[in-house]
Protein backbone atom coordinates (compact mmCIF):
# COMPACT_ATOMS: atom_id res chain seq x y z
CA MET A 1 -19.02 5.62 13.29
CA PRO A 2 -18.09 7.36 9.89
CA THR A 3 -19.95 6.54 6.90
CA LEU A 4 -17.70 4.98 4.18
CA LYS A 5 -17.22 8.30 2.01
CA VAL A 6 -15.99 10.01 5.10
CA ALA A 7 -13.34 7.09 5.66
CA ALA A 8 -12.47 6.80 2.13
CA ASP A 9 -12.00 10.41 1.84
CA ASP A 10 -9.90 11.11 5.14
CA PHE A 11 -7.60 7.90 3.83
CA LEU A 12 -7.14 9.47 0.84
CA ALA A 13 -6.28 12.63 2.33
CA GLN A 14 -3.14 10.79 3.17
CA LYS A 15 -0.55 11.43 0.30
CA ARG A 16 2.15 8.88 1.16
CA ILE A 17 0.40 5.15 1.13
CA ALA A 18 1.99 1.88 1.33
CA VAL A 19 0.11 -0.88 -0.41
CA ALA A 20 1.04 -4.63 0.53
CA GLY A 21 0.41 -7.24 -1.48
CA VAL A 22 1.52 -5.76 -4.92
CA SER A 23 2.84 -8.48 -7.36
CA ARG A 24 5.88 -9.28 -9.15
CA THR A 25 3.43 -10.15 -12.00
CA PRO A 26 0.77 -7.78 -12.35
CA ALA A 27 -1.64 -9.54 -14.35
CA GLY A 28 -4.40 -10.32 -12.20
CA HIS A 29 -3.32 -8.77 -8.90
CA GLY A 30 -5.63 -6.17 -7.66
CA ALA A 31 -3.18 -4.29 -5.53
CA ASN A 32 -1.20 -3.79 -8.69
CA VAL A 33 -3.71 -2.01 -9.66
CA VAL A 34 -4.76 0.00 -7.12
CA TYR A 35 -1.06 1.00 -6.49
CA THR A 36 -0.48 2.14 -10.17
CA GLY A 37 -3.37 4.00 -10.09
CA LEU A 38 -2.88 6.17 -6.95
CA ARG A 39 0.58 6.69 -8.47
CA LYS A 40 -1.32 7.92 -11.26
CA ALA A 41 -3.29 9.71 -9.40
CA GLY A 42 -0.42 11.85 -7.87
CA TYR A 43 -0.04 10.00 -4.64
CA GLN A 44 3.25 8.84 -3.29
CA VAL A 45 2.88 4.94 -2.82
CA PHE A 46 4.88 2.45 -1.38
CA ALA A 47 4.78 -1.15 -2.59
CA VAL A 48 5.39 -3.94 -0.01
CA ASN A 49 6.04 -7.19 -0.70
CA PRO A 50 8.84 -9.50 1.11
CA HIS A 51 9.53 -11.59 -2.14
CA ALA A 52 10.18 -8.70 -4.21
CA ASP A 53 13.03 -5.86 -4.54
CA GLN A 54 11.25 -4.05 -7.72
CA VAL A 55 7.45 -3.78 -8.35
CA GLU A 56 5.70 -1.79 -11.32
CA GLY A 57 9.39 -0.38 -11.82
CA ASP A 58 9.54 0.91 -8.14
CA ARG A 59 11.55 -0.12 -5.22
CA CYS A 60 9.49 -2.87 -3.09
CA TYR A 61 9.65 -2.72 0.88
CA SER A 62 9.91 -6.24 2.35
CA TYR A 63 7.56 -5.06 5.47
CA ALA A 64 5.46 -1.86 5.83
CA GLY A 65 7.83 -0.46 8.78
CA ASN A 66 10.96 -0.25 6.45
CA ASN A 67 9.73 2.29 4.03
CA PRO A 68 9.55 6.21 4.79
CA ILE A 69 5.72 6.06 5.74
CA ASN A 70 5.18 7.24 9.63
CA PHE A 71 2.21 4.54 10.18
CA ASN A 72 0.89 6.89 12.75
CA ASP A 73 -1.18 7.96 10.21
CA ARG A 74 -2.17 4.43 9.55
CA SER A 75 -1.72 5.26 5.65
CA GLY A 76 -1.90 1.64 4.18
CA LEU A 77 -3.86 -0.82 2.24
CA CYS A 78 -3.67 -4.67 2.23
CA PHE A 79 -4.71 -7.15 -0.06
CA GLY A 80 -4.56 -10.94 0.43
CA LEU A 81 -4.29 -12.39 3.62
CA GLY A 82 -0.53 -13.63 3.61
CA ASN A 83 0.04 -9.60 3.57
CA CYS A 84 -1.82 -8.03 6.07
CA GLY A 85 0.17 -9.01 8.83
CA PRO A 86 3.42 -6.80 7.94
CA ILE A 87 0.85 -3.60 8.09
CA ASP A 88 -0.36 -4.80 11.31
CA ASP A 89 2.70 -5.47 13.00
CA ALA A 90 4.38 -1.80 11.89
CA TRP A 91 1.30 -0.21 13.34
């Protein structure tokens, strides 16, 4: 089993990351902080929220499987228990 650092480094080696659980109202939502932080760091990020068309000024995808990421790379993050299903289903 890889160490946490190795796993994090492997994950962050991906340049395209989907973030499920982003909110239309970003205050107090950790997913939005992670989403904007990754975007500012130069990652190509995709917001996933089945109830939003746009998040943080970007297009939002209703489920993980309908965005441009190749999910064979398993490059997604999930925040909130109700948001994990879409990513799990896409993988």
